[in-house]
Amino acid sequence: MGIMLGPWAGAIAVLIGSGIGVMIAPHTAFLGPLTILVLVLAPIASGLIVTGRRSIVGAYLIVAGVLWWIIKIAQDGMPEDTLLLLYPWRYLVPGILCLIPAVTDRAVSLLKSENRLALASGLGYITWIALQTDHTFTSIVGNLFMFPLPDEVWIFLQLYIIPAERAALTLVGVVIGLGVIFGLRRMGIKKPEKGVW
């Protein structure tokens, strides 16, 4: 939604949709009412990236990664298994990539392509970063404070579950995004001012 409508209109669209979704199926709201905030972070991030404010997203992700380390070490001390300290890589890597203009700006330019593979590449890159952005809040608030997890669980999540989940969600975003963007282009609908497609 952030790519299609821009950061704020996309966030409002997701806010409305996720609000309805949480009311219909409250059992899916992992963080209770805060779940809606988590879902709104992704369109804000993708919208900021496509409107040229990628450094805000990059700084946010890097700060979130460092904050995770600080909170985790403050709560439990230095972990015995230092593999646990790799957990925030999913925030630090996309955060650094957002600060490299050649990479992220190229992905944004691919969103205007008529070539399906090029468009899919741009969509995949930006969707992946947006999904890491929304996960920061879940990871810090949900898993460090509301539902603390043992170190063994963190390591298992870090190595297997979350990367697979985020990859699957990125793939779904690309498939849906391709269909929606090519459909809107064919219908000749006027693109919103902040949308990039």
Protein backbone atom coordinates (compact mmCIF):
# COMPACT_ATOMS: atom_id res chain seq x y z
CA MET A 1 0.00 0.00 0.00
CA GLY A 2 2.90 2.37 0.66
CA ILE A 3 4.22 1.79 -2.85
CA MET A 4 0.78 2.23 -4.40
CA LEU A 5 -0.48 5.21 -2.38
CA GLY A 6 2.53 6.73 -0.62
CA PRO A 7 3.41 6.50 3.08
CA TRP A 8 0.46 8.27 4.69
CA ALA A 9 -2.42 7.28 2.43
CA GLY A 10 -1.04 3.72 2.43
CA ALA A 11 -0.87 3.75 6.22
CA ILE A 12 -4.46 4.96 6.48
CA ALA A 13 -5.63 2.23 4.09
CA VAL A 14 -3.83 -0.43 6.14
CA LEU A 15 -5.08 1.12 9.38
CA ILE A 16 -8.67 0.78 8.20
CA GLY A 17 -8.19 -2.74 6.81
CA SER A 18 -6.26 -4.04 9.80
CA GLY A 19 -8.70 -2.42 12.21
CA ILE A 20 -11.56 -4.26 10.54
CA GLY A 21 -9.52 -7.47 10.46
CA VAL A 22 -8.70 -7.27 14.17
CA MET A 23 -12.36 -6.64 15.00
CA ILE A 24 -13.48 -9.61 12.89
CA ALA A 25 -10.77 -11.96 14.19
CA PRO A 26 -9.37 -10.58 17.46
CA HIS A 27 -7.51 -13.85 18.10
CA THR A 28 -5.10 -12.87 15.30
CA ALA A 29 -3.99 -9.71 17.13
CA PHE A 30 -0.69 -10.94 18.60
CA LEU A 31 -0.07 -7.67 20.45
CA GLY A 32 -3.67 -6.76 21.11
CA PRO A 33 -4.54 -3.25 19.89
CA LEU A 34 -0.84 -2.60 19.23
CA THR A 35 -1.06 -5.11 16.37
CA ILE A 36 -2.55 -2.38 14.19
CA LEU A 37 0.51 -0.17 14.81
CA VAL A 38 2.77 -3.01 13.72
CA LEU A 39 0.83 -3.47 10.47
CA VAL A 40 0.94 0.27 9.70
CA LEU A 41 4.76 0.40 9.89
CA ALA A 42 5.20 -1.53 6.62
CA PRO A 43 3.29 0.87 4.33
CA ILE A 44 4.93 3.85 6.03
CA ALA A 45 8.36 2.31 5.40
CA SER A 46 7.71 1.34 1.77
CA GLY A 47 6.05 4.70 1.11
CA LEU A 48 8.99 6.62 2.56
CA ILE A 49 11.41 4.58 0.47
CA VAL A 50 9.59 5.20 -2.82
CA THR A 51 9.15 8.92 -2.11
CA GLY A 52 12.89 9.41 -1.63
CA ARG A 53 13.07 9.36 2.15
CA ARG A 54 14.81 6.00 2.45
CA SER A 55 17.34 7.37 4.97
CA ILE A 56 14.54 7.71 7.56
CA VAL A 57 13.74 4.01 7.17
CA GLY A 58 17.44 3.11 7.24
CA ALA A 59 18.05 5.08 10.43
CA TYR A 60 14.95 3.58 12.06
CA LEU A 61 16.04 0.01 11.28
CA ILE A 62 19.59 0.55 12.55
CA VAL A 63 18.34 2.19 15.75
CA ALA A 64 15.85 -0.69 16.23
CA GLY A 65 18.65 -3.25 15.86
CA VAL A 66 20.88 -1.47 18.37
CA LEU A 67 17.92 -0.97 20.73
CA TRP A 68 17.19 -4.71 20.59
CA TRP A 69 20.77 -5.44 21.67
CA ILE A 70 20.65 -2.89 24.50
CA ILE A 71 17.34 -4.16 25.87
CA LYS A 72 18.23 -7.84 25.55
CA ILE A 73 21.61 -7.41 27.27
CA ALA A 74 20.08 -5.16 29.96
CA GLN A 75 17.42 -7.79 30.70
CA ASP A 76 19.54 -10.94 30.64
CA GLY A 77 23.20 -9.88 30.58
CA MET A 78 25.60 -11.01 27.88
CA PRO A 79 24.23 -14.26 26.42
CA GLU A 80 26.23 -17.44 26.76
CA ASP A 81 25.59 -18.27 23.13
CA THR A 82 26.85 -15.25 21.18
CA LEU A 83 24.86 -16.46 18.16
CA LEU A 84 21.92 -14.73 19.84
CA LEU A 85 23.62 -11.37 19.20
CA LEU A 86 23.11 -11.91 15.46
CA TYR A 87 19.34 -11.62 15.90
CA PRO A 88 19.07 -7.97 14.77
CA TRP A 89 20.81 -8.68 11.45
CA ARG A 90 17.35 -8.54 9.85
CA TYR A 91 17.11 -4.89 10.85
CA LEU A 92 20.73 -3.84 10.43
CA VAL A 93 21.24 -5.23 6.92
CA PRO A 94 18.17 -3.57 5.34
CA GLY A 95 18.89 -0.43 7.37
CA ILE A 96 22.37 -0.20 5.87
CA LEU A 97 21.02 -1.00 2.38
CA CYS A 98 18.55 1.90 2.71
CA LEU A 99 21.49 4.22 3.29
CA ILE A 100 23.19 3.15 0.05
CA PRO A 101 21.54 5.31 -2.63
CA ALA A 102 22.63 3.24 -5.62
CA VAL A 103 20.92 0.10 -4.33
CA THR A 104 17.63 1.42 -3.00
CA ASP A 105 17.11 4.11 -5.63
CA ARG A 106 17.67 1.47 -8.32
CA ALA A 107 14.98 -0.73 -6.74
CA VAL A 108 12.57 2.22 -6.71
CA SER A 109 13.26 2.92 -10.40
CA LEU A 110 12.43 -0.72 -11.20
CA LEU A 111 8.88 -0.13 -9.91
CA LYS A 112 8.16 1.87 -13.08
CA SER A 113 9.34 -0.91 -15.38
CA GLU A 114 7.06 -2.74 -17.81
CA ASN A 115 9.31 -5.79 -17.51
CA ARG A 116 7.78 -8.25 -15.03
CA LEU A 117 11.11 -9.50 -13.70
CA ALA A 118 12.44 -5.98 -13.13
CA LEU A 119 9.21 -4.91 -11.44
CA ALA A 120 9.23 -8.07 -9.30
CA SER A 121 12.81 -7.33 -8.24
CA GLY A 122 11.96 -3.81 -7.13
CA LEU A 123 8.80 -4.97 -5.38
CA GLY A 124 10.64 -7.79 -3.63
CA TYR A 125 13.42 -5.59 -2.35
CA ILE A 126 11.15 -2.85 -1.01
CA THR A 127 8.59 -5.30 0.39
CA TRP A 128 11.33 -7.22 2.21
CA ILE A 129 12.63 -4.03 3.84
CA ALA A 130 9.09 -2.94 4.79
CA LEU A 131 8.45 -6.35 6.38
CA GLN A 132 11.63 -6.07 8.45
CA THR A 133 10.46 -2.63 9.56
CA ASP A 134 7.11 -3.84 10.83
CA HIS A 135 8.78 -6.77 12.57
CA THR A 136 10.99 -4.51 14.70
CA PHE A 137 8.04 -3.49 16.86
CA THR A 138 6.83 -7.07 17.27
CA SER A 139 10.31 -8.24 18.17
CA ILE A 140 11.08 -5.50 20.69
CA VAL A 141 7.70 -4.87 22.33
CA GLY A 142 6.16 -8.31 21.87
CA ASN A 143 9.07 -10.68 22.35
CA LEU A 144 11.24 -8.72 24.79
CA PHE A 145 8.55 -7.25 27.04
CA MET A 146 5.09 -8.80 26.60
CA PHE A 147 6.07 -12.41 25.83
CA PRO A 148 9.78 -12.89 26.69
CA LEU A 149 11.38 -15.83 24.95
CA PRO A 150 14.23 -18.10 26.10
CA ASP A 151 17.53 -17.69 24.25
CA GLU A 152 17.18 -21.09 22.55
CA VAL A 153 13.88 -19.99 21.04
CA TRP A 154 15.38 -16.68 19.83
CA ILE A 155 18.20 -18.54 18.08
CA PHE A 156 15.81 -21.02 16.44
CA LEU A 157 13.55 -18.16 15.30
CA GLN A 158 16.53 -16.18 14.01
CA LEU A 159 18.01 -19.04 12.00
CA TYR A 160 14.92 -20.75 10.61
CA ILE A 161 11.43 -19.46 11.28
CA ILE A 162 11.51 -15.69 10.82
CA PRO A 163 13.70 -15.63 7.67
CA ALA A 164 11.40 -18.23 6.06
CA GLU A 165 8.28 -16.35 7.16
CA ARG A 166 9.58 -13.00 5.88
CA ALA A 167 10.66 -14.59 2.57
CA ALA A 168 7.20 -16.15 2.12
CA LEU A 169 5.49 -12.84 2.93
CA THR A 170 7.78 -11.04 0.48
CA LEU A 171 6.89 -13.55 -2.24
CA VAL A 172 3.17 -13.06 -1.55
CA GLY A 173 3.65 -9.28 -1.70
CA VAL A 174 5.44 -9.55 -5.03
CA VAL A 175 2.78 -11.80 -6.58
CA ILE A 176 -0.08 -9.59 -5.40
CA GLY A 177 1.82 -6.40 -6.24
CA LEU A 178 2.54 -7.52 -9.80
CA GLY A 179 -1.11 -8.31 -10.41
CA VAL A 180 -2.37 -5.08 -8.89
CA ILE A 181 0.17 -2.81 -10.59
CA PHE A 182 -0.24 -4.32 -14.06
CA GLY A 183 -4.02 -4.34 -13.59
CA LEU A 184 -4.12 -0.67 -12.60
CA ARG A 185 -1.87 0.27 -15.50
CA ARG A 186 -4.12 -1.52 -17.98
CA MET A 187 -7.24 0.12 -16.56
CA GLY A 188 -5.61 3.51 -16.97
CA ILE A 189 -6.39 4.60 -13.41
CA LYS A 190 -4.61 7.80 -12.47
CA LYS A 191 -1.68 7.11 -10.18
CA PRO A 192 -1.80 8.86 -6.79
CA GLU A 193 0.70 11.70 -6.45
CA LYS A 194 2.86 9.80 -3.93
CA GLY A 195 2.48 6.37 -5.51
CA VAL A 196 5.27 4.89 -7.59
CA TRP A 197 4.11 2.34 -10.16
